[in-house]
N, C-alpha and C. Protein backbone atom coordinates (compact mmCIF):
# COMPACT_ATOMS: atom_id res chain seq x y z
N MET A 1 -29.63 -21.98 -71.62
CA MET A 1 -30.30 -20.76 -71.99
C MET A 1 -31.40 -20.43 -70.99
N MET A 2 -32.10 -21.45 -70.53
CA MET A 2 -33.21 -21.20 -69.60
C MET A 2 -32.70 -20.55 -68.31
N MET A 3 -31.58 -21.01 -67.82
CA MET A 3 -31.04 -20.45 -66.59
C MET A 3 -30.68 -18.98 -66.79
N GLY A 4 -30.12 -18.66 -67.94
CA GLY A 4 -29.79 -17.28 -68.24
C GLY A 4 -31.04 -16.40 -68.29
N ALA A 5 -32.11 -16.92 -68.87
CA ALA A 5 -33.37 -16.17 -68.94
C ALA A 5 -33.95 -15.97 -67.55
N ILE A 6 -33.83 -16.99 -66.70
CA ILE A 6 -34.35 -16.89 -65.34
C ILE A 6 -33.59 -15.82 -64.56
N PHE A 7 -32.26 -15.87 -64.64
CA PHE A 7 -31.46 -14.89 -63.91
C PHE A 7 -31.65 -13.48 -64.48
N ALA A 8 -31.81 -13.37 -65.79
CA ALA A 8 -32.03 -12.06 -66.41
C ALA A 8 -33.38 -11.46 -66.00
N ALA A 9 -34.32 -12.34 -65.62
CA ALA A 9 -35.64 -11.86 -65.19
C ALA A 9 -35.64 -11.39 -63.75
N GLY A 10 -34.50 -11.52 -63.06
CA GLY A 10 -34.40 -10.99 -61.71
C GLY A 10 -34.42 -12.04 -60.61
N TRP A 11 -34.45 -13.30 -60.97
CA TRP A 11 -34.41 -14.36 -59.97
C TRP A 11 -32.99 -14.46 -59.40
N THR A 12 -32.90 -14.84 -58.14
CA THR A 12 -31.59 -15.03 -57.52
C THR A 12 -31.24 -16.51 -57.51
N ILE A 13 -30.00 -16.82 -57.20
CA ILE A 13 -29.57 -18.21 -57.14
C ILE A 13 -30.32 -18.95 -56.04
N ASP A 14 -30.64 -18.26 -54.94
CA ASP A 14 -31.41 -18.90 -53.86
C ASP A 14 -32.82 -19.24 -54.32
N ASP A 15 -33.41 -18.37 -55.13
CA ASP A 15 -34.75 -18.65 -55.66
C ASP A 15 -34.73 -19.90 -56.53
N VAL A 16 -33.72 -20.01 -57.37
CA VAL A 16 -33.63 -21.13 -58.31
C VAL A 16 -33.30 -22.43 -57.58
N LEU A 17 -32.43 -22.36 -56.57
CA LEU A 17 -32.06 -23.57 -55.83
C LEU A 17 -33.23 -24.15 -55.05
N ALA A 18 -34.24 -23.36 -54.78
CA ALA A 18 -35.41 -23.84 -54.05
C ALA A 18 -36.38 -24.60 -54.96
N LEU A 19 -36.12 -24.64 -56.26
CA LEU A 19 -37.02 -25.28 -57.22
C LEU A 19 -36.51 -26.64 -57.65
N THR A 20 -37.42 -27.48 -58.15
CA THR A 20 -37.03 -28.76 -58.75
C THR A 20 -36.67 -28.50 -60.21
N TRP A 21 -36.11 -29.51 -60.87
CA TRP A 21 -35.75 -29.36 -62.28
C TRP A 21 -36.97 -29.08 -63.14
N ASP A 22 -38.09 -29.75 -62.85
CA ASP A 22 -39.31 -29.52 -63.62
C ASP A 22 -39.80 -28.08 -63.45
N GLN A 23 -39.72 -27.57 -62.23
CA GLN A 23 -40.14 -26.20 -61.98
C GLN A 23 -39.22 -25.21 -62.68
N ILE A 24 -37.93 -25.47 -62.65
CA ILE A 24 -36.98 -24.59 -63.34
C ILE A 24 -37.28 -24.57 -64.83
N ALA A 25 -37.56 -25.73 -65.41
CA ALA A 25 -37.88 -25.80 -66.84
C ALA A 25 -39.15 -25.02 -67.14
N LEU A 26 -40.15 -25.16 -66.28
CA LEU A 26 -41.42 -24.45 -66.49
C LEU A 26 -41.22 -22.94 -66.39
N VAL A 27 -40.49 -22.49 -65.39
CA VAL A 27 -40.25 -21.05 -65.21
C VAL A 27 -39.48 -20.51 -66.42
N GLY A 28 -38.46 -21.22 -66.84
CA GLY A 28 -37.68 -20.77 -67.99
C GLY A 28 -38.51 -20.71 -69.26
N GLU A 29 -39.36 -21.71 -69.45
CA GLU A 29 -40.21 -21.74 -70.63
C GLU A 29 -41.22 -20.60 -70.60
N CYS A 30 -41.79 -20.33 -69.43
CA CYS A 30 -42.75 -19.22 -69.30
C CYS A 30 -42.09 -17.87 -69.59
N ILE A 31 -40.89 -17.69 -69.07
CA ILE A 31 -40.18 -16.43 -69.30
C ILE A 31 -39.85 -16.27 -70.78
N ALA A 32 -39.37 -17.34 -71.41
CA ALA A 32 -39.03 -17.28 -72.84
C ALA A 32 -40.27 -17.02 -73.69
N THR A 33 -41.38 -17.67 -73.36
CA THR A 33 -42.62 -17.48 -74.11
C THR A 33 -43.12 -16.05 -73.96
N TYR A 34 -43.08 -15.54 -72.73
CA TYR A 34 -43.54 -14.17 -72.48
C TYR A 34 -42.70 -13.17 -73.28
N ARG A 35 -41.40 -13.35 -73.26
CA ARG A 35 -40.53 -12.41 -73.99
C ARG A 35 -40.76 -12.50 -75.49
N THR A 36 -40.95 -13.70 -76.00
CA THR A 36 -41.21 -13.88 -77.43
C THR A 36 -42.51 -13.21 -77.83
N GLU A 37 -43.55 -13.40 -77.01
CA GLU A 37 -44.84 -12.77 -77.32
C GLU A 37 -44.74 -11.25 -77.21
N SER A 38 -43.97 -10.75 -76.27
CA SER A 38 -43.81 -9.30 -76.12
C SER A 38 -43.13 -8.71 -77.35
N ILE A 39 -42.10 -9.38 -77.83
CA ILE A 39 -41.40 -8.91 -79.02
C ILE A 39 -42.32 -8.98 -80.23
N SER A 40 -43.08 -10.06 -80.36
CA SER A 40 -44.01 -10.20 -81.48
C SER A 40 -45.10 -9.14 -81.44
N MET A 41 -45.57 -8.83 -80.24
CA MET A 41 -46.63 -7.83 -80.09
C MET A 41 -46.16 -6.47 -80.61
N VAL A 42 -44.90 -6.16 -80.43
CA VAL A 42 -44.36 -4.89 -80.90
C VAL A 42 -44.00 -4.97 -82.38
N ALA A 43 -43.40 -6.08 -82.78
CA ALA A 43 -42.88 -6.19 -84.14
C ALA A 43 -43.97 -6.38 -85.20
N GLU A 44 -45.03 -7.12 -84.89
CA GLU A 44 -46.05 -7.43 -85.91
C GLU A 44 -46.74 -6.18 -86.46
N PRO A 45 -47.20 -5.25 -85.61
CA PRO A 45 -47.82 -4.05 -86.20
C PRO A 45 -46.84 -3.22 -87.02
N VAL A 46 -45.59 -3.16 -86.58
CA VAL A 46 -44.59 -2.41 -87.34
C VAL A 46 -44.37 -3.06 -88.70
N LEU A 47 -44.21 -4.39 -88.71
CA LEU A 47 -44.00 -5.09 -89.97
C LEU A 47 -45.24 -4.99 -90.88
N ALA A 48 -46.42 -5.07 -90.29
CA ALA A 48 -47.65 -4.95 -91.08
C ALA A 48 -47.75 -3.55 -91.69
N ALA A 49 -47.36 -2.53 -90.92
CA ALA A 49 -47.39 -1.16 -91.44
C ALA A 49 -46.40 -0.97 -92.57
N LEU A 50 -45.32 -1.74 -92.54
CA LEU A 50 -44.33 -1.65 -93.61
C LEU A 50 -44.68 -2.52 -94.80
N GLY A 51 -45.80 -3.26 -94.70
CA GLY A 51 -46.28 -4.03 -95.84
C GLY A 51 -45.84 -5.48 -95.86
N SER A 52 -45.39 -6.00 -94.77
CA SER A 52 -44.94 -7.39 -94.74
C SER A 52 -46.14 -8.33 -94.76
N SER A 53 -46.18 -9.24 -95.71
CA SER A 53 -47.28 -10.20 -95.78
C SER A 53 -47.14 -11.27 -94.69
N GLU A 54 -45.92 -11.52 -94.24
CA GLU A 54 -45.69 -12.50 -93.17
C GLU A 54 -46.33 -12.06 -91.87
N ALA A 55 -46.27 -10.79 -91.56
CA ALA A 55 -46.86 -10.26 -90.32
C ALA A 55 -48.37 -10.41 -90.36
N ARG A 56 -48.97 -10.17 -91.52
CA ARG A 56 -50.42 -10.30 -91.62
C ARG A 56 -50.84 -11.75 -91.43
N GLY A 57 -50.06 -12.68 -91.93
CA GLY A 57 -50.37 -14.09 -91.77
C GLY A 57 -50.28 -14.53 -90.32
N SER A 58 -49.29 -14.05 -89.58
CA SER A 58 -49.15 -14.46 -88.19
C SER A 58 -50.24 -13.86 -87.32
N LEU A 59 -50.74 -12.69 -87.69
CA LEU A 59 -51.85 -12.12 -86.93
C LEU A 59 -53.09 -12.98 -87.08
N SER A 60 -53.32 -13.48 -88.28
CA SER A 60 -54.51 -14.32 -88.47
C SER A 60 -54.34 -15.66 -87.77
N LYS A 61 -53.12 -16.19 -87.70
CA LYS A 61 -52.89 -17.43 -86.98
C LYS A 61 -53.20 -17.26 -85.50
N ARG A 62 -52.79 -16.12 -84.94
CA ARG A 62 -53.05 -15.85 -83.53
C ARG A 62 -54.55 -15.77 -83.27
N SER A 63 -55.29 -15.09 -84.15
CA SER A 63 -56.73 -14.97 -83.94
C SER A 63 -57.41 -16.32 -84.10
N ARG A 64 -56.92 -17.18 -85.02
CA ARG A 64 -57.49 -18.52 -85.15
C ARG A 64 -57.23 -19.35 -83.91
N ARG A 65 -56.02 -19.23 -83.33
CA ARG A 65 -55.70 -19.95 -82.10
C ARG A 65 -56.60 -19.51 -80.96
N ALA A 66 -56.82 -18.21 -80.85
CA ALA A 66 -57.67 -17.68 -79.78
C ALA A 66 -59.11 -18.14 -79.97
N GLU A 67 -59.57 -18.17 -81.23
CA GLU A 67 -60.94 -18.61 -81.49
C GLU A 67 -61.11 -20.09 -81.17
N SER A 68 -60.13 -20.91 -81.51
CA SER A 68 -60.24 -22.34 -81.22
C SER A 68 -60.18 -22.58 -79.71
N ALA A 69 -59.44 -21.75 -78.98
CA ALA A 69 -59.40 -21.88 -77.53
C ALA A 69 -60.74 -21.51 -76.93
N ARG A 70 -61.40 -20.53 -77.52
CA ARG A 70 -62.72 -20.13 -77.02
C ARG A 70 -63.76 -21.21 -77.27
N ARG A 71 -63.61 -21.95 -78.39
CA ARG A 71 -64.59 -22.99 -78.74
C ARG A 71 -64.27 -24.32 -78.09
N SER A 72 -63.39 -24.34 -77.15
CA SER A 72 -63.00 -25.56 -76.48
C SER A 72 -64.21 -26.24 -75.84
N ASP A 73 -64.15 -27.57 -75.75
CA ASP A 73 -65.24 -28.33 -75.15
C ASP A 73 -65.29 -28.16 -73.64
N LEU A 74 -64.22 -27.67 -73.04
CA LEU A 74 -64.18 -27.52 -71.59
C LEU A 74 -64.78 -26.19 -71.16
N SER A 75 -65.47 -26.22 -70.04
CA SER A 75 -65.99 -24.98 -69.47
C SER A 75 -64.83 -24.24 -68.81
N PRO A 76 -65.00 -22.96 -68.54
CA PRO A 76 -63.92 -22.22 -67.87
C PRO A 76 -63.51 -22.83 -66.54
N GLU A 77 -64.48 -23.35 -65.81
CA GLU A 77 -64.17 -23.98 -64.52
C GLU A 77 -63.31 -25.22 -64.71
N GLN A 78 -63.62 -26.00 -65.75
CA GLN A 78 -62.84 -27.21 -66.04
C GLN A 78 -61.43 -26.86 -66.48
N ARG A 79 -61.28 -25.79 -67.27
CA ARG A 79 -59.95 -25.36 -67.69
C ARG A 79 -59.13 -24.88 -66.51
N ASP A 80 -59.78 -24.13 -65.59
CA ASP A 80 -59.09 -23.67 -64.38
C ASP A 80 -58.65 -24.85 -63.53
N ALA A 81 -59.53 -25.85 -63.38
CA ALA A 81 -59.19 -27.03 -62.59
C ALA A 81 -58.02 -27.79 -63.22
N ALA A 82 -58.00 -27.88 -64.55
CA ALA A 82 -56.90 -28.56 -65.23
C ALA A 82 -55.60 -27.80 -65.04
N LEU A 83 -55.65 -26.47 -65.09
CA LEU A 83 -54.45 -25.66 -64.89
C LEU A 83 -53.91 -25.83 -63.48
N VAL A 84 -54.80 -25.79 -62.49
CA VAL A 84 -54.38 -25.96 -61.10
C VAL A 84 -53.77 -27.34 -60.90
N ALA A 85 -54.38 -28.36 -61.49
CA ALA A 85 -53.85 -29.72 -61.37
C ALA A 85 -52.47 -29.82 -62.01
N SER A 86 -52.28 -29.15 -63.14
CA SER A 86 -50.98 -29.16 -63.82
C SER A 86 -49.91 -28.48 -62.97
N LEU A 87 -50.27 -27.35 -62.36
CA LEU A 87 -49.31 -26.65 -61.50
C LEU A 87 -48.97 -27.47 -60.27
N ARG A 88 -49.97 -28.13 -59.67
CA ARG A 88 -49.71 -28.98 -58.50
C ARG A 88 -48.82 -30.16 -58.87
N ALA A 89 -49.05 -30.73 -60.07
CA ALA A 89 -48.24 -31.86 -60.52
C ALA A 89 -46.78 -31.44 -60.73
N SER A 90 -46.56 -30.18 -61.05
CA SER A 90 -45.21 -29.67 -61.24
C SER A 90 -44.52 -29.36 -59.92
N GLY A 91 -45.30 -29.39 -58.82
CA GLY A 91 -44.71 -29.17 -57.52
C GLY A 91 -44.93 -27.79 -56.94
N PHE A 92 -45.70 -26.95 -57.64
CA PHE A 92 -45.99 -25.63 -57.12
C PHE A 92 -47.12 -25.72 -56.11
N PRO A 93 -46.99 -25.10 -54.97
CA PRO A 93 -48.10 -25.12 -54.00
C PRO A 93 -49.20 -24.17 -54.45
N VAL A 94 -50.39 -24.70 -54.66
CA VAL A 94 -51.52 -23.90 -55.13
C VAL A 94 -52.61 -23.97 -54.07
N THR A 95 -53.07 -22.82 -53.64
CA THR A 95 -54.14 -22.79 -52.63
C THR A 95 -55.43 -22.34 -53.22
């Protein structure tokens, strides 16, 4: 499924062959997550307008997640450094 999502996003076979398996998994996961969030962003307000209690619950979960991320013990610089280290560990060249 991940390969299908990667190709559907406009990547070519040459682009994919230049990546390692870990990088392919990361790209596929990012694409799938982005598409899921995009669909949720459109569907949640529509469902909430139609009176769905499930949509209201998921909106509050998202705001709780964002609030807990803001209250993280790490400073923004430390979070950026951790993200860069994670990308480098996956084999992506980060400058």
